Amino acid sequence: MMSVLTIVLMALTTYSTRVAGYLLLNNAVISPRTAKVMEAAPGCVLIAVLAPSFASGKVADLAALAVTALAASRCSLLMTVVIGVASGGLFRLFLPM
């Protein structure tokens, strides 16, 4: 039950930040530099959340990271996500923790 509650609260938090940004910056004129920073922010947050698990030194996670990085250099975003999730699952299934 706590997992479901955590996911719901994370979704609401994410949604509220999107809505707040839209409402606050709807008529604002922002510089191109500010726009670039705002476009990069979601990726930076995602990396900050995921980085500790890769720093753990688990072989399966590091192998999945390598496969995903390779896919990111050659595939679209959707395909990279699919490959990353699939490789993470397969490596965790077959490689020792």
Protein backbone atom coordinates (compact mmCIF):
# COMPACT_ATOMS: atom_id res chain seq x y z
CA MET A 1 0.00 0.00 0.00
CA MET A 2 2.85 2.38 0.79
CA SER A 3 4.30 1.83 -2.68
CA VAL A 4 1.04 2.83 -4.34
CA LEU A 5 0.75 5.89 -2.10
CA THR A 6 4.33 6.86 -2.93
CA ILE A 7 3.72 6.55 -6.66
CA VAL A 8 0.50 8.57 -6.47
CA LEU A 9 2.18 11.33 -4.45
CA MET A 10 5.12 11.44 -6.87
CA ALA A 11 2.72 11.71 -9.80
CA LEU A 12 0.79 14.52 -8.12
CA THR A 13 3.99 16.36 -7.31
CA THR A 14 5.21 16.07 -10.88
CA TYR A 15 1.87 17.20 -12.26
CA SER A 16 1.64 20.15 -9.86
CA THR A 17 5.09 21.41 -10.86
CA ARG A 18 4.11 21.25 -14.53
CA VAL A 19 0.85 23.10 -13.92
CA ALA A 20 2.53 25.68 -11.67
CA GLY A 21 5.16 26.35 -14.31
CA TYR A 22 2.52 26.81 -16.96
CA LEU A 23 0.42 29.13 -14.81
CA LEU A 24 3.37 31.22 -13.62
CA LEU A 25 5.17 31.50 -16.96
CA ASN A 26 2.20 31.49 -19.35
CA ASN A 27 2.59 35.12 -20.44
CA ALA A 28 6.22 35.63 -19.45
CA VAL A 29 8.93 36.29 -21.99
CA ILE A 30 11.98 34.19 -21.23
CA SER A 31 15.40 34.29 -22.79
CA PRO A 32 16.65 31.47 -25.02
CA ARG A 33 19.21 30.58 -22.34
CA THR A 34 16.49 30.23 -19.69
CA ALA A 35 14.44 28.10 -22.08
CA LYS A 36 17.42 25.74 -22.59
CA VAL A 37 17.90 25.40 -18.82
CA MET A 38 14.21 24.62 -18.33
CA GLU A 39 14.33 21.98 -21.08
CA ALA A 40 17.33 20.28 -19.46
CA ALA A 41 15.99 20.29 -15.89
CA PRO A 42 13.81 17.13 -16.10
CA GLY A 43 16.74 15.08 -17.38
CA CYS A 44 18.97 16.40 -14.59
CA VAL A 45 16.42 15.43 -11.97
CA LEU A 46 16.10 11.95 -13.46
CA ILE A 47 19.86 11.47 -13.40
CA ALA A 48 20.00 12.64 -9.78
CA VAL A 49 17.42 10.01 -8.85
CA LEU A 50 19.04 7.17 -10.81
CA ALA A 51 22.74 7.84 -10.20
CA PRO A 52 22.96 6.36 -6.68
CA SER A 53 21.78 2.96 -7.89
CA PHE A 54 24.51 2.86 -10.51
CA ALA A 55 27.12 3.93 -7.99
CA SER A 56 26.30 0.84 -5.92
CA GLY A 57 28.58 -1.31 -8.07
CA LYS A 58 26.00 -3.99 -8.88
CA VAL A 59 27.09 -5.81 -12.01
CA ALA A 60 23.57 -6.09 -13.44
CA ASP A 61 22.88 -2.36 -13.06
CA LEU A 62 26.22 -1.36 -14.55
CA ALA A 63 25.71 -3.71 -17.52
CA ALA A 64 22.22 -2.28 -18.10
CA LEU A 65 23.65 1.24 -17.91
CA ALA A 66 26.24 0.39 -20.57
CA VAL A 67 23.62 -1.13 -22.89
CA THR A 68 21.31 1.84 -22.38
CA ALA A 69 24.10 4.34 -23.07
CA LEU A 70 24.93 2.51 -26.29
CA ALA A 71 21.25 2.49 -27.28
CA ALA A 72 20.96 6.21 -26.52
CA SER A 73 23.73 6.95 -28.99
CA ARG A 74 22.00 5.04 -31.78
CA CYS A 75 18.22 4.92 -31.14
CA SER A 76 15.26 7.18 -30.53
CA LEU A 77 14.22 8.08 -26.99
CA LEU A 78 11.35 5.59 -26.89
CA MET A 79 13.50 2.74 -28.15
CA THR A 80 16.25 3.68 -25.67
CA VAL A 81 13.79 3.51 -22.78
CA VAL A 82 12.49 0.12 -23.94
CA ILE A 83 16.01 -1.25 -24.34
CA GLY A 84 17.06 0.15 -20.97
CA VAL A 85 14.13 -1.36 -19.08
CA ALA A 86 14.43 -4.70 -20.87
CA SER A 87 18.18 -4.95 -20.38
CA GLY A 88 17.87 -3.98 -16.72
CA GLY A 89 15.31 -6.70 -16.14
CA LEU A 90 17.25 -9.35 -18.03
CA PHE A 91 20.58 -8.54 -16.42
CA ARG A 92 19.03 -8.59 -12.95
CA LEU A 93 17.46 -11.94 -13.76
CA PHE A 94 20.62 -13.60 -15.06
CA LEU A 95 23.56 -11.83 -13.39
CA PRO A 96 24.46 -12.12 -9.72
CA MET A 97 23.55 -9.25 -7.45
